[in-house]
């Protein structure tokens, strides 16, 4: 099984952490942007950059509400994002279970 079957969007360590955290939530639940940053140990700028990539792919939703000090940003995994992570996990599992060739 070729390694290129792994979704390169999820394969990046920061995005993998984000998707794992979001997929652990009950479908339909959201997490606040600051809390997601704490849990994934990502700076706000880094988190925002990775969330944009995941949102462009349809893997997450980012909902902003309010303005100024009353603003709030909530993030959730989409069904497509959950399926992509599950496929990634299954592909990685098969890859790891493949015996190494003899020298």
Protein backbone atom coordinates (compact mmCIF):
# COMPACT_ATOMS: atom_id res chain seq x y z
CA UNK A 1 0.00 0.00 0.00
CA UNK A 2 1.55 3.30 -1.02
CA UNK A 3 1.95 6.03 1.55
CA UNK A 4 0.45 8.50 -0.93
CA UNK A 5 -3.00 7.09 -0.07
CA UNK A 6 -2.83 9.08 3.17
CA UNK A 7 -4.76 12.35 2.92
CA UNK A 8 -2.00 14.99 2.82
CA UNK A 9 -4.35 17.59 4.25
CA UNK A 10 -4.87 15.57 7.42
CA UNK A 11 -1.35 14.15 7.48
CA UNK A 12 0.16 17.48 8.62
CA UNK A 13 0.67 17.08 12.37
CA UNK A 14 -1.18 20.24 13.41
CA UNK A 15 -4.19 19.46 11.20
CA UNK A 16 -4.22 15.87 12.41
CA UNK A 17 -4.38 17.12 16.01
CA UNK A 18 -7.21 19.49 15.12
CA UNK A 19 -9.22 16.77 13.36
CA UNK A 20 -8.72 14.26 16.18
CA UNK A 21 -9.96 16.77 18.76
CA UNK A 22 -12.94 17.82 16.66
CA UNK A 23 -13.89 14.24 15.81
CA UNK A 24 -13.89 13.35 19.51
CA UNK A 25 -16.80 15.76 19.97
CA UNK A 26 -20.33 14.48 19.56
CA UNK A 27 -21.52 15.19 16.00
CA UNK A 28 -23.11 18.62 16.00
CA UNK A 29 -21.06 19.85 18.98
CA UNK A 30 -18.62 22.72 18.63
CA UNK A 31 -15.54 23.92 20.48
CA UNK A 32 -14.47 27.51 20.96
CA UNK A 33 -11.46 28.74 19.01
CA UNK A 34 -9.45 29.57 22.17
CA UNK A 35 -10.19 26.18 23.73
CA UNK A 36 -9.20 24.37 20.53
CA UNK A 37 -5.93 26.30 20.57
CA UNK A 38 -5.29 25.22 24.17
CA UNK A 39 -6.11 21.57 23.53
CA UNK A 40 -3.99 21.35 20.36
CA UNK A 41 -1.18 23.55 21.77
CA UNK A 42 -1.30 25.80 18.70
CA UNK A 43 -0.95 29.58 18.62
CA UNK A 44 -3.95 31.54 17.41
CA UNK A 45 -2.24 32.41 14.12
CA UNK A 46 -1.12 28.85 13.46
CA UNK A 47 -4.54 27.46 14.38
CA UNK A 48 -6.27 29.96 12.10
CA UNK A 49 -4.04 29.04 9.17
CA UNK A 50 -4.72 25.32 9.56
CA UNK A 51 -8.45 25.83 10.10
CA UNK A 52 -8.64 27.79 6.86
CA UNK A 53 -7.13 24.88 4.95
CA UNK A 54 -9.48 22.39 6.61
CA UNK A 55 -12.51 24.64 6.01
CA UNK A 56 -11.57 25.07 2.32
CA UNK A 57 -11.59 21.27 2.03
CA UNK A 58 -14.99 21.07 3.72
CA UNK A 59 -13.59 19.19 6.74
CA UNK A 60 -14.54 21.80 9.37
CA UNK A 61 -16.90 24.68 9.91
CA UNK A 62 -15.83 27.92 11.55
CA UNK A 63 -18.72 30.06 12.79
CA UNK A 64 -18.06 33.61 14.00
CA UNK A 65 -20.62 35.61 15.93
CA UNK A 66 -20.65 38.97 17.67
CA UNK A 67 -18.18 41.81 17.33
CA UNK A 68 -15.23 43.15 19.27
CA UNK A 69 -14.90 41.83 22.80
CA UNK A 70 -18.23 40.04 22.41
CA UNK A 71 -17.08 38.01 19.42
CA UNK A 72 -16.98 34.24 19.59
CA UNK A 73 -15.67 31.68 17.13
CA UNK A 74 -16.87 28.08 17.23
CA UNK A 75 -15.32 25.21 15.31
CA UNK A 76 -16.76 21.80 14.42
CA UNK A 77 -15.90 18.83 12.23
CA UNK A 78 -18.22 18.27 9.28
CA UNK A 79 -19.51 14.84 8.34
CA UNK A 80 -17.08 14.94 5.41
CA UNK A 81 -14.22 15.76 7.79
CA UNK A 82 -15.16 12.89 10.10
CA UNK A 83 -15.25 10.49 7.15
CA UNK A 84 -11.88 11.77 5.92
CA UNK A 85 -10.30 11.22 9.34
CA UNK A 86 -11.79 7.74 9.60
CA UNK A 87 -10.42 6.89 6.15
CA UNK A 88 -7.04 8.31 7.20
CA UNK A 89 -7.04 6.15 10.37
CA UNK A 90 -7.97 3.02 8.41
CA UNK A 91 -5.33 3.70 5.74
CA UNK A 92 -2.66 4.36 8.36
CA UNK A 93 -3.68 1.17 10.20
CA UNK A 94 -3.32 -0.91 7.04
CA UNK A 95 0.01 0.72 6.28
CA UNK A 96 1.34 -0.03 9.75
CA UNK A 97 0.06 -3.60 9.61
CA UNK A 98 1.90 -4.30 6.33
CA UNK A 99 4.97 -6.42 7.06
CA UNK A 100 8.30 -4.97 6.09
CA UNK A 101 10.05 -6.71 3.20
CA UNK A 102 12.96 -8.97 4.05
CA UNK A 103 16.42 -7.55 3.29
